[in-house]
Amino acid sequence: MTVVNKTRCFLLLALLHAWGVARAQDVVIVVNRDVQVSQVSSADLRDIFTGVKSRFRDGSRVVPVVLKGGPAHEVFLRNHIRETPEEFRTAWRKAVFTGQAGMLRAFDSEAALLEFVAATPGAIGYVSRIFPQARVKELPVIDLH
């Protein structure tokens, strides 16, 4: 392989890696279309996914769901919950075993999570992107500092 070809190969790999990292940072919060709230604060989102809150600000029931792993899961935990996957899992196990919460529903794929959110009143989750046919709505996250 020539130096030029090696350089092109390296640049292509670097570009693909950068695209993957950038894509993984685009986590979208999704809710069932019947959810009446039009936005969620970062504090409320954290409280929902850590089991502190079981209702949206308007009083309606919330059903948080997560991915079992992967880039979107890690980005969501890092950016919104401020925990590692292990810290998150440990906190939920403790809450379940002490009777403070039920186990979160976790999905192997974004497609399965989107399907559940679309079919479940009050459901909230996250994905790397929304497809037009997903039958869910995006919920913007706002900071109330």
Protein backbone atom coordinates (compact mmCIF):
# COMPACT_ATOMS: atom_id res chain seq x y z
CA MET A 1 0.00 0.00 0.00
CA THR A 2 1.41 3.40 -0.95
CA VAL A 3 1.77 6.28 1.48
CA VAL A 4 -1.04 8.14 -0.31
CA ASN A 5 -3.38 5.15 0.00
CA LYS A 6 -2.49 4.68 3.67
CA THR A 7 -3.18 8.36 4.29
CA ARG A 8 -6.54 8.16 2.49
CA CYS A 9 -7.47 5.04 4.45
CA PHE A 10 -6.51 6.71 7.74
CA LEU A 11 -8.49 9.86 6.88
CA LEU A 12 -11.53 7.80 5.91
CA LEU A 13 -11.40 5.87 9.18
CA ALA A 14 -10.98 9.10 11.16
CA LEU A 15 -13.92 10.67 9.36
CA LEU A 16 -16.13 7.63 9.98
CA HIS A 17 -15.17 7.63 13.67
CA ALA A 18 -15.87 11.36 14.01
CA TRP A 19 -19.26 10.92 12.30
CA GLY A 20 -20.13 8.09 14.71
CA VAL A 21 -19.14 10.12 17.76
CA ALA A 22 -21.08 13.17 16.56
CA ARG A 23 -24.13 11.03 15.82
CA ALA A 24 -23.99 9.42 19.26
CA GLN A 25 -24.11 12.87 20.89
CA ASP A 26 -27.46 13.69 19.24
CA VAL A 27 -29.73 12.05 21.82
CA VAL A 28 -33.40 12.93 21.39
CA ILE A 29 -35.92 12.67 24.23
CA VAL A 30 -39.14 11.09 22.96
CA VAL A 31 -42.58 10.74 24.52
CA ASN A 32 -45.90 9.20 23.64
CA ARG A 33 -47.88 11.56 21.39
CA ASP A 34 -50.62 11.90 24.03
CA VAL A 35 -48.24 13.44 26.58
CA GLN A 36 -49.47 17.00 27.07
CA VAL A 37 -46.25 18.65 28.29
CA SER A 38 -44.32 20.45 25.56
CA GLN A 39 -40.91 20.50 27.26
CA VAL A 40 -39.10 19.07 30.26
CA SER A 41 -36.49 20.68 32.49
CA SER A 42 -33.13 18.98 32.81
CA ALA A 43 -33.78 18.60 36.56
CA ASP A 44 -37.18 16.97 35.99
CA LEU A 45 -35.70 14.65 33.36
CA ARG A 46 -33.04 13.53 35.83
CA ASP A 47 -35.67 13.05 38.56
CA ILE A 48 -37.86 10.99 36.21
CA PHE A 49 -35.04 8.67 35.19
CA THR A 50 -33.67 8.27 38.71
CA GLY A 51 -37.07 7.37 40.16
CA VAL A 52 -37.54 10.56 42.19
CA LYS A 53 -40.57 11.65 40.16
CA SER A 54 -43.34 9.52 38.72
CA ARG A 55 -45.35 12.35 37.15
CA PHE A 56 -44.82 15.10 34.61
CA ARG A 57 -45.21 18.72 35.75
CA ASP A 58 -48.84 18.68 34.63
CA GLY A 59 -49.55 15.79 37.04
CA SER A 60 -49.87 13.07 34.42
CA ARG A 61 -48.19 9.71 34.99
CA VAL A 62 -44.75 9.16 33.46
CA VAL A 63 -43.32 5.80 32.34
CA PRO A 64 -39.56 6.07 31.80
CA VAL A 65 -37.88 3.49 29.56
CA VAL A 66 -34.21 3.03 28.67
CA LEU A 67 -31.92 1.26 26.26
CA LYS A 68 -29.91 -1.67 27.64
CA GLY A 69 -26.68 -0.16 26.37
CA GLY A 70 -24.89 1.40 23.43
CA PRO A 71 -23.74 4.88 22.47
CA ALA A 72 -27.14 6.59 22.85
CA HIS A 73 -27.57 5.08 26.33
CA GLU A 74 -24.12 6.21 27.44
CA VAL A 75 -24.58 9.72 26.02
CA PHE A 76 -28.00 10.03 27.68
CA LEU A 77 -26.63 8.96 31.07
CA ARG A 78 -23.58 11.20 30.80
CA ASN A 79 -25.38 14.31 29.54
CA HIS A 80 -28.72 14.13 31.36
CA ILE A 81 -28.38 11.87 34.38
CA ARG A 82 -24.70 12.62 35.11
CA GLU A 83 -23.96 8.97 35.91
CA THR A 84 -22.03 6.13 34.36
CA PRO A 85 -23.97 3.08 33.20
CA GLU A 86 -22.76 1.16 36.27
CA GLU A 87 -23.79 3.94 38.69
CA PHE A 88 -27.20 4.14 37.03
CA ARG A 89 -27.73 0.36 37.16
CA THR A 90 -26.61 0.18 40.80
CA ALA A 91 -28.91 3.03 41.88
CA TRP A 92 -31.92 1.40 40.21
CA ARG A 93 -31.16 -2.00 41.70
CA LYS A 94 -30.98 -0.44 45.15
CA ALA A 95 -34.29 1.38 44.62
CA VAL A 96 -35.98 -1.84 43.44
CA PHE A 97 -34.64 -4.00 46.27
CA THR A 98 -35.62 -1.43 48.93
CA GLY A 99 -39.13 -1.14 47.48
CA GLN A 100 -38.74 2.49 46.45
CA ALA A 101 -39.25 1.83 42.72
CA GLY A 102 -40.02 -0.80 40.13
CA MET A 103 -37.42 -1.92 37.63
CA LEU A 104 -37.11 0.22 34.53
CA ARG A 105 -38.16 -1.34 31.26
CA ALA A 106 -35.03 -1.67 29.09
CA PHE A 107 -34.85 -2.35 25.35
CA ASP A 108 -32.23 -3.94 23.12
CA SER A 109 -32.89 -1.55 20.24
CA GLU A 110 -34.05 1.98 19.56
CA ALA A 111 -36.78 0.59 17.29
CA ALA A 112 -38.22 -1.49 20.14
CA LEU A 113 -38.04 1.48 22.53
CA LEU A 114 -39.80 3.73 20.02
CA GLU A 115 -42.52 1.14 19.48
CA PHE A 116 -43.15 0.88 23.23
CA VAL A 117 -43.20 4.67 23.71
CA ALA A 118 -45.65 5.05 20.81
CA ALA A 119 -48.00 2.45 22.33
CA THR A 120 -47.74 3.42 26.02
CA PRO A 121 -49.48 6.45 27.55
CA GLY A 122 -47.02 8.58 29.52
CA ALA A 123 -43.95 6.81 28.16
CA ILE A 124 -40.67 8.71 27.85
CA GLY A 125 -37.36 7.50 26.48
CA TYR A 126 -34.42 8.54 24.32
CA VAL A 127 -32.95 7.61 20.96
CA SER A 128 -30.17 8.82 18.70
CA ARG A 129 -32.73 10.06 16.15
CA ILE A 130 -36.43 9.93 15.33
CA PHE A 131 -37.73 8.47 12.11
CA PRO A 132 -40.81 10.14 10.60
CA GLN A 133 -42.89 6.97 10.99
CA ALA A 134 -41.97 6.58 14.68
CA ARG A 135 -45.37 7.81 15.99
CA VAL A 136 -43.76 9.62 18.94
CA LYS A 137 -42.98 13.25 19.59
CA GLU A 138 -39.74 14.92 20.59
CA LEU A 139 -39.67 16.56 24.01
CA PRO A 140 -37.21 19.46 24.20
CA VAL A 141 -35.06 19.63 27.35
CA ILE A 142 -34.65 23.08 28.87
CA ASP A 143 -32.40 24.33 31.64
CA LEU A 144 -34.06 26.37 34.37
CA HIS A 145 -30.94 27.96 35.86
